[in-house]
Amino acid sequence: MRQKRKTVWDYLDGKKLVDVVKAAPDNNMTVADLKEEIVKENPGHEVTFNVQ
């Protein structure tokens, strides 16, 4: 039985922004580092992450 691959989506003010799992290797970063960078780059906005 094959398991579905999970991914982490970034939501900025409730709108889907980017797939963090796919964007991290493109930017030579880990998922955790990219999540921190997204939060730092968007002060004053509600940044949430959702695993799907």
PDB file of N, CA and C in Angstrom:
ATOM      1  N   MET A   1       0.843  -1.172   0.000  1.00  0.00           N
ATOM      2  CA  MET A   1       0.000   0.000   0.000  1.00  0.00           C
ATOM      3  C   MET A   1       0.895   1.244   0.000  1.00  0.00           C
ATOM      4  N   ARG A   2       0.579   2.175  -0.855  1.00  0.00           N
ATOM      5  CA  ARG A   2       1.365   3.391  -0.968  1.00  0.00           C
ATOM      6  C   ARG A   2       0.740   4.511  -0.165  1.00  0.00           C
ATOM      7  N   GLN A   3       1.588   5.248   0.549  1.00  0.00           N
ATOM      8  CA  GLN A   3       1.084   6.372   1.331  1.00  0.00           C
ATOM      9  C   GLN A   3       1.141   7.640   0.504  1.00  0.00           C
ATOM     10  N   LYS A   4       0.178   8.518   0.736  1.00  0.00           N
ATOM     11  CA  LYS A   4       0.200   9.808   0.062  1.00  0.00           C
ATOM     12  C   LYS A   4       1.302  10.664   0.662  1.00  0.00           C
ATOM     13  N   ARG A   5       1.934  11.446  -0.172  1.00  0.00           N
ATOM     14  CA  ARG A   5       2.982  12.346   0.288  1.00  0.00           C
ATOM     15  C   ARG A   5       2.326  13.602   0.857  1.00  0.00           C
ATOM     16  N   LYS A   6       2.761  13.994   2.033  1.00  0.00           N
ATOM     17  CA  LYS A   6       2.209  15.190   2.670  1.00  0.00           C
ATOM     18  C   LYS A   6       3.049  16.393   2.316  1.00  0.00           C
ATOM     19  N   THR A   7       2.435  17.553   2.347  1.00  0.00           N
ATOM     20  CA  THR A   7       3.135  18.786   2.060  1.00  0.00           C
ATOM     21  C   THR A   7       2.690  19.856   3.047  1.00  0.00           C
ATOM     22  N   VAL A   8       3.430  20.917   3.130  1.00  0.00           N
ATOM     23  CA  VAL A   8       3.138  22.016   4.053  1.00  0.00           C
ATOM     24  C   VAL A   8       2.848  23.266   3.225  1.00  0.00           C
ATOM     25  N   TRP A   9       1.647  23.817   3.376  1.00  0.00           N
ATOM     26  CA  TRP A   9       1.268  25.036   2.674  1.00  0.00           C
ATOM     27  C   TRP A   9       1.362  26.228   3.612  1.00  0.00           C
ATOM     28  N   ASP A  10       1.817  27.338   3.065  1.00  0.00           N
ATOM     29  CA  ASP A  10       1.909  28.602   3.789  1.00  0.00           C
ATOM     30  C   ASP A  10       0.699  29.447   3.413  1.00  0.00           C
ATOM     31  N   TYR A  11       0.014  29.966   4.420  1.00  0.00           N
ATOM     32  CA  TYR A  11      -1.135  30.845   4.206  1.00  0.00           C
ATOM     33  C   TYR A  11      -0.801  32.223   4.754  1.00  0.00           C
ATOM     34  N   LEU A  12      -0.970  33.245   3.941  1.00  0.00           N
ATOM     35  CA  LEU A  12      -0.728  34.626   4.339  1.00  0.00           C
ATOM     36  C   LEU A  12      -2.079  35.324   4.388  1.00  0.00           C
ATOM     37  N   ASP A  13      -2.503  35.713   5.587  1.00  0.00           N
ATOM     38  CA  ASP A  13      -3.810  36.332   5.817  1.00  0.00           C
ATOM     39  C   ASP A  13      -4.946  35.471   5.262  1.00  0.00           C
ATOM     40  N   GLY A  14      -4.812  34.156   5.406  1.00  0.00           N
ATOM     41  CA  GLY A  14      -5.864  33.236   4.997  1.00  0.00           C
ATOM     42  C   GLY A  14      -5.826  32.826   3.541  1.00  0.00           C
ATOM     43  N   LYS A  15      -4.898  33.355   2.740  1.00  0.00           N
ATOM     44  CA  LYS A  15      -4.803  33.005   1.317  1.00  0.00           C
ATOM     45  C   LYS A  15      -3.594  32.106   1.102  1.00  0.00           C
ATOM     46  N   LYS A  16      -3.793  31.018   0.339  1.00  0.00           N
ATOM     47  CA  LYS A  16      -2.724  30.061   0.075  1.00  0.00           C
ATOM     48  C   LYS A  16      -1.610  30.761  -0.699  1.00  0.00           C
ATOM     49  N   LEU A  17      -0.377  30.639  -0.200  1.00  0.00           N
ATOM     50  CA  LEU A  17       0.735  31.360  -0.806  1.00  0.00           C
ATOM     51  C   LEU A  17       1.714  30.425  -1.505  1.00  0.00           C
ATOM     52  N   VAL A  18       2.316  29.492  -0.775  1.00  0.00           N
ATOM     53  CA  VAL A  18       3.376  28.669  -1.366  1.00  0.00           C
ATOM     54  C   VAL A  18       3.436  27.301  -0.692  1.00  0.00           C
ATOM     55  N   ASP A  19       3.879  26.303  -1.455  1.00  0.00           N
ATOM     56  CA  ASP A  19       4.146  24.969  -0.921  1.00  0.00           C
ATOM     57  C   ASP A  19       5.567  24.997  -0.361  1.00  0.00           C
ATOM     58  N   VAL A  20       5.685  25.003   0.951  1.00  0.00           N
ATOM     59  CA  VAL A  20       6.979  25.168   1.624  1.00  0.00           C
ATOM     60  C   VAL A  20       7.909  23.993   1.331  1.00  0.00           C
ATOM     61  N   VAL A  21       7.381  22.786   1.244  1.00  0.00           N
ATOM     62  CA  VAL A  21       8.213  21.601   1.016  1.00  0.00           C
ATOM     63  C   VAL A  21       8.871  21.664  -0.368  1.00  0.00           C
ATOM     64  N   LYS A  22       8.171  22.179  -1.378  1.00  0.00           N
ATOM     65  CA  LYS A  22       8.753  22.295  -2.713  1.00  0.00           C
ATOM     66  C   LYS A  22       9.654  23.515  -2.844  1.00  0.00           C
ATOM     67  N   ALA A  23       9.351  24.598  -2.142  1.00  0.00           N
ATOM     68  CA  ALA A  23      10.116  25.837  -2.265  1.00  0.00           C
ATOM     69  C   ALA A  23      11.437  25.784  -1.502  1.00  0.00           C
ATOM     70  N   ALA A  24      11.516  25.018  -0.438  1.00  0.00           N
ATOM     71  CA  ALA A  24      12.731  24.977   0.380  1.00  0.00           C
ATOM     72  C   ALA A  24      13.957  24.496  -0.400  1.00  0.00           C
ATOM     73  N   PRO A  25      13.911  23.362  -1.090  1.00  0.00           N
ATOM     74  CA  PRO A  25      15.105  22.936  -1.846  1.00  0.00           C
ATOM     75  C   PRO A  25      15.446  23.898  -2.990  1.00  0.00           C
ATOM     76  N   ASP A  26      14.446  24.527  -3.581  1.00  0.00           N
ATOM     77  CA  ASP A  26      14.698  25.492  -4.655  1.00  0.00           C
ATOM     78  C   ASP A  26      15.518  26.674  -4.156  1.00  0.00           C
ATOM     79  N   ASN A  27      15.387  26.997  -2.871  1.00  0.00           N
ATOM     80  CA  ASN A  27      16.105  28.116  -2.267  1.00  0.00           C
ATOM     81  C   ASN A  27      17.290  27.661  -1.413  1.00  0.00           C
ATOM     82  N   ASN A  28      17.673  26.394  -1.542  1.00  0.00           N
ATOM     83  CA  ASN A  28      18.782  25.812  -0.770  1.00  0.00           C
ATOM     84  C   ASN A  28      18.607  26.030   0.732  1.00  0.00           C
ATOM     85  N   MET A  29      17.405  25.771   1.231  1.00  0.00           N
ATOM     86  CA  MET A  29      17.082  25.948   2.643  1.00  0.00           C
ATOM     87  C   MET A  29      16.349  24.715   3.147  1.00  0.00           C
ATOM     88  N   THR A  30      16.319  24.559   4.470  1.00  0.00           N
ATOM     89  CA  THR A  30      15.484  23.521   5.054  1.00  0.00           C
ATOM     90  C   THR A  30      14.067  24.079   5.189  1.00  0.00           C
ATOM     91  N   VAL A  31      13.110  23.202   5.420  1.00  0.00           N
ATOM     92  CA  VAL A  31      11.723  23.638   5.588  1.00  0.00           C
ATOM     93  C   VAL A  31      11.603  24.559   6.798  1.00  0.00           C
ATOM     94  N   ALA A  32      12.265  24.217   7.891  1.00  0.00           N
ATOM     95  CA  ALA A  32      12.200  25.035   9.111  1.00  0.00           C
ATOM     96  C   ALA A  32      12.779  26.428   8.876  1.00  0.00           C
ATOM     97  N   ASP A  33      13.913  26.493   8.166  1.00  0.00           N
ATOM     98  CA  ASP A  33      14.533  27.796   7.885  1.00  0.00           C
ATOM     99  C   ASP A  33      13.636  28.653   6.992  1.00  0.00           C
ATOM    100  N   LEU A  34      13.020  28.029   5.994  1.00  0.00           N
ATOM    101  CA  LEU A  34      12.139  28.774   5.093  1.00  0.00           C
ATOM    102  C   LEU A  34      10.906  29.296   5.826  1.00  0.00           C
ATOM    103  N   LYS A  35      10.369  28.491   6.736  1.00  0.00           N
ATOM    104  CA  LYS A  35       9.215  28.935   7.518  1.00  0.00           C
ATOM    105  C   LYS A  35       9.571  30.157   8.358  1.00  0.00           C
ATOM    106  N   GLU A  36      10.748  30.137   8.987  1.00  0.00           N
ATOM    107  CA  GLU A  36      11.196  31.292   9.778  1.00  0.00           C
ATOM    108  C   GLU A  36      11.370  32.514   8.888  1.00  0.00           C
ATOM    109  N   GLU A  37      11.927  32.328   7.704  1.00  0.00           N
ATOM    110  CA  GLU A  37      12.167  33.432   6.772  1.00  0.00           C
ATOM    111  C   GLU A  37      10.844  34.045   6.296  1.00  0.00           C
ATOM    112  N   ILE A  38       9.851  33.214   6.027  1.00  0.00           N
ATOM    113  CA  ILE A  38       8.548  33.715   5.589  1.00  0.00           C
ATOM    114  C   ILE A  38       7.913  34.565   6.680  1.00  0.00           C
ATOM    115  N   VAL A  39       8.013  34.113   7.924  1.00  0.00           N
ATOM    116  CA  VAL A  39       7.439  34.862   9.045  1.00  0.00           C
ATOM    117  C   VAL A  39       8.159  36.207   9.199  1.00  0.00           C
ATOM    118  N   LYS A  40       9.496  36.210   9.062  1.00  0.00           N
ATOM    119  CA  LYS A  40      10.271  37.451   9.198  1.00  0.00           C
ATOM    120  C   LYS A  40       9.955  38.441   8.087  1.00  0.00           C
ATOM    121  N   GLU A  41       9.739  37.952   6.861  1.00  0.00           N
ATOM    122  CA  GLU A  41       9.513  38.816   5.709  1.00  0.00           C
ATOM    123  C   GLU A  41       8.109  39.417   5.676  1.00  0.00           C
ATOM    124  N   ASN A  42       7.205  38.926   6.503  1.00  0.00           N
ATOM    125  CA  ASN A  42       5.819  39.394   6.472  1.00  0.00           C
ATOM    126  C   ASN A  42       5.351  39.893   7.830  1.00  0.00           C
ATOM    127  N   PRO A  43       5.999  40.935   8.366  1.00  0.00           N
ATOM    128  CA  PRO A  43       5.544  41.450   9.660  1.00  0.00           C
ATOM    129  C   PRO A  43       4.181  42.117   9.510  1.00  0.00           C
ATOM    130  N   GLY A  44       3.345  41.962  10.512  1.00  0.00           N
ATOM    131  CA  GLY A  44       2.022  42.570  10.477  1.00  0.00           C
ATOM    132  C   GLY A  44       0.980  41.743   9.749  1.00  0.00           C
ATOM    133  N   HIS A  45       1.381  40.605   9.216  1.00  0.00           N
ATOM    134  CA  HIS A  45       0.431  39.712   8.532  1.00  0.00           C
ATOM    135  C   HIS A  45       0.276  38.432   9.348  1.00  0.00           C
ATOM    136  N   GLU A  46      -0.846  37.785   9.179  1.00  0.00           N
ATOM    137  CA  GLU A  46      -1.089  36.502   9.842  1.00  0.00           C
ATOM    138  C   GLU A  46      -0.527  35.399   8.948  1.00  0.00           C
ATOM    139  N   VAL A  47       0.541  34.757   9.387  1.00  0.00           N
ATOM    140  CA  VAL A  47       1.183  33.681   8.639  1.00  0.00           C
ATOM    141  C   VAL A  47       0.872  32.375   9.348  1.00  0.00           C
ATOM    142  N   THR A  48       0.269  31.419   8.613  1.00  0.00           N
ATOM    143  CA  THR A  48      -0.023  30.114   9.182  1.00  0.00           C
ATOM    144  C   THR A  48       0.487  29.036   8.231  1.00  0.00           C
ATOM    145  N   PHE A  49       0.741  27.855   8.778  1.00  0.00           N
ATOM    146  CA  PHE A  49       1.209  26.720   7.986  1.00  0.00           C
ATOM    147  C   PHE A  49       0.249  25.560   8.222  1.00  0.00           C
ATOM    148  N   ASN A  50      -0.099  24.861   7.155  1.00  0.00           N
ATOM    149  CA  ASN A  50      -1.060  23.770   7.233  1.00  0.00           C
ATOM    150  C   ASN A  50      -0.499  22.551   6.506  1.00  0.00           C
ATOM    151  N   VAL A  51      -0.481  21.412   7.190  1.00  0.00           N
ATOM    152  CA  VAL A  51      -0.019  20.168   6.576  1.00  0.00           C
ATOM    153  C   VAL A  51      -1.207  19.518   5.877  1.00  0.00           C
ATOM    154  N   GLN A  52      -1.009  19.157   4.625  1.00  0.00           N
ATOM    155  CA  GLN A  52      -2.079  18.513   3.852  1.00  0.00           C
ATOM    156  C   GLN A  52      -1.565  17.244   3.213  1.00  0.00           C
TER     157      GLN A  52
END
